[in-house]
Amino acid sequence: MTEPLKEIGQKELVVSATHATRLKEFTCKTCGYLMDACSPSEQGVNPPEVGDYAFCMNCAAVLLFNSDMSLRHATEEDLIAEDPDFVLYIFKMQRDIRRGMAIIKRMEN
C-alpha cells in the first residue's frame, strides 16, 4: 500500500514498502552498509532493470545493476556516458540522501 507522506506543491513524497524489490545482498564498498532491497525513487512501481542506477542509502554511493541484477559501484566512465542532465540529477539525489542521513544522525544523538 502506497501512502502519501507529505504533499509538496504538485508532487507527493511516498513511502512504498509494497514496491520494494529484494536484491542479492550487497555490501557498499564505500561505507560497509548491507543492502538487500530497493524501492523506486519516483512514484513508479517497476522493478529495477539492468543498467538502472541505485544509491547506497547510508553514504549515497552511486550504484548500477549488473546483468545478474547484482549491484556494483558506478565508475566515472559510466557517468560520462550518460546525458549531462541525468548526471546532474544523480548528483542532486546524492546530495539529498546525504542531507537526510545527516539529519537522521543528528536526531539519534
Protein backbone atom coordinates (compact mmCIF):
# COMPACT_ATOMS: atom_id res chain seq x y z
CA MET A 1 0.00 0.00 0.00
CA THR A 2 1.40 3.36 -1.02
CA GLU A 3 0.62 6.21 1.34
CA PRO A 4 1.35 9.90 0.79
CA LEU A 5 3.86 11.13 3.33
CA LYS A 6 3.71 14.84 2.62
CA GLU A 7 2.34 16.87 -0.24
CA ILE A 8 4.79 19.35 -1.77
CA GLY A 9 3.30 21.52 -4.50
CA GLN A 10 2.13 19.21 -7.27
CA LYS A 11 4.13 16.19 -6.05
CA GLU A 12 3.76 13.78 -3.18
CA LEU A 13 6.53 12.02 -1.35
CA VAL A 14 5.55 8.43 -0.89
CA VAL A 15 6.73 5.53 1.20
CA SER A 16 6.12 2.27 -0.55
CA ALA A 17 7.23 -0.92 1.13
CA THR A 18 4.99 -2.93 -1.19
CA HIS A 19 7.02 -1.85 -4.22
CA ALA A 20 10.37 -2.86 -2.73
CA THR A 21 12.39 -5.35 -4.74
CA ARG A 22 14.52 -7.92 -2.91
CA LEU A 23 18.13 -7.98 -4.06
CA LYS A 24 21.12 -10.22 -3.71
CA GLU A 25 22.83 -8.97 -0.58
CA PHE A 26 25.29 -6.22 -1.41
CA THR A 27 27.77 -4.55 0.92
CA CYS A 28 28.67 -1.00 -0.06
CA LYS A 29 32.44 -0.81 -0.60
CA THR A 30 32.39 2.83 0.46
CA CYS A 31 30.75 2.54 3.88
CA GLY A 32 30.09 -1.15 4.57
CA TYR A 33 26.28 -0.76 4.62
CA LEU A 34 24.46 -4.03 3.84
CA MET A 35 21.59 -3.74 1.36
CA ASP A 36 19.08 -6.39 0.35
CA ALA A 37 16.20 -4.40 -1.17
CA CYS A 38 15.48 -1.29 -3.22
CA SER A 39 12.44 0.89 -3.84
CA PRO A 40 11.62 3.17 -6.76
CA SER A 41 12.77 6.76 -6.21
CA GLU A 42 9.75 8.13 -8.04
CA GLN A 43 6.12 7.08 -7.88
CA GLY A 44 6.70 4.33 -10.43
CA VAL A 45 6.39 0.71 -9.37
CA ASN A 46 8.64 -1.02 -11.89
CA PRO A 47 11.35 -3.31 -10.54
CA PRO A 48 14.93 -2.35 -11.39
CA GLU A 49 16.39 -3.33 -14.75
CA VAL A 50 19.93 -3.97 -15.97
CA GLY A 51 21.77 -0.63 -16.16
CA ASP A 52 19.47 1.18 -13.72
CA TYR A 53 21.12 3.33 -11.09
CA ALA A 54 20.65 2.99 -7.35
CA PHE A 55 22.13 4.64 -4.27
CA CYS A 56 23.50 3.39 -1.01
CA MET A 57 21.04 4.85 1.47
CA ASN A 58 23.77 5.22 4.06
CA CYS A 59 26.53 7.09 2.17
CA ALA A 60 24.84 7.88 -1.20
CA ALA A 61 27.38 5.95 -3.29
CA VAL A 62 26.15 5.65 -6.88
CA LEU A 63 25.45 2.03 -7.87
CA LEU A 64 24.45 0.22 -11.06
CA PHE A 65 22.52 -3.01 -11.63
CA ASN A 66 24.51 -5.71 -13.46
CA SER A 67 23.05 -8.27 -15.89
CA ASP A 68 22.52 -10.70 -12.97
CA MET A 69 20.77 -7.91 -11.02
CA SER A 70 23.59 -7.66 -8.52
CA LEU A 71 24.86 -4.18 -7.72
CA ARG A 72 28.23 -2.61 -8.42
CA HIS A 73 29.65 0.85 -7.84
CA ALA A 74 29.28 3.13 -10.87
CA THR A 75 32.51 4.33 -12.43
CA GLU A 76 33.39 7.72 -13.87
CA GLU A 77 33.12 6.10 -17.31
CA ASP A 78 29.53 5.02 -16.55
CA LEU A 79 28.57 8.57 -15.65
CA ILE A 80 30.45 10.19 -18.54
CA ALA A 81 28.43 8.00 -20.94
CA GLU A 82 25.14 9.41 -19.59
CA ASP A 83 23.27 12.56 -20.55
CA PRO A 84 24.71 15.51 -18.57
CA ASP A 85 21.26 16.46 -17.23
CA PHE A 86 20.80 12.93 -15.90
CA VAL A 87 24.20 13.03 -14.21
CA LEU A 88 23.23 16.33 -12.60
CA TYR A 89 20.05 14.62 -11.33
CA ILE A 90 22.19 11.80 -9.88
CA PHE A 91 24.37 14.31 -8.04
CA LYS A 92 21.29 16.11 -6.67
CA MET A 93 19.94 12.78 -5.40
CA GLN A 94 23.28 12.10 -3.70
CA ARG A 95 23.16 15.49 -2.03
CA ASP A 96 19.62 14.91 -0.80
CA ILE A 97 20.45 11.45 0.59
CA ARG A 98 23.49 12.83 2.42
CA ARG A 99 21.47 15.70 3.87
CA GLY A 100 18.76 13.33 5.01
CA MET A 101 21.22 10.94 6.65
CA ALA A 102 22.95 13.85 8.42
CA ILE A 103 19.60 14.95 9.86
CA ILE A 104 18.76 11.41 10.97
CA LYS A 105 22.16 11.02 12.66
CA ARG A 106 21.68 14.35 14.50
CA MET A 107 18.23 13.22 15.66
CA GLU A 108 19.69 9.98 17.02
CA ASN A 109 22.20 11.81 19.22
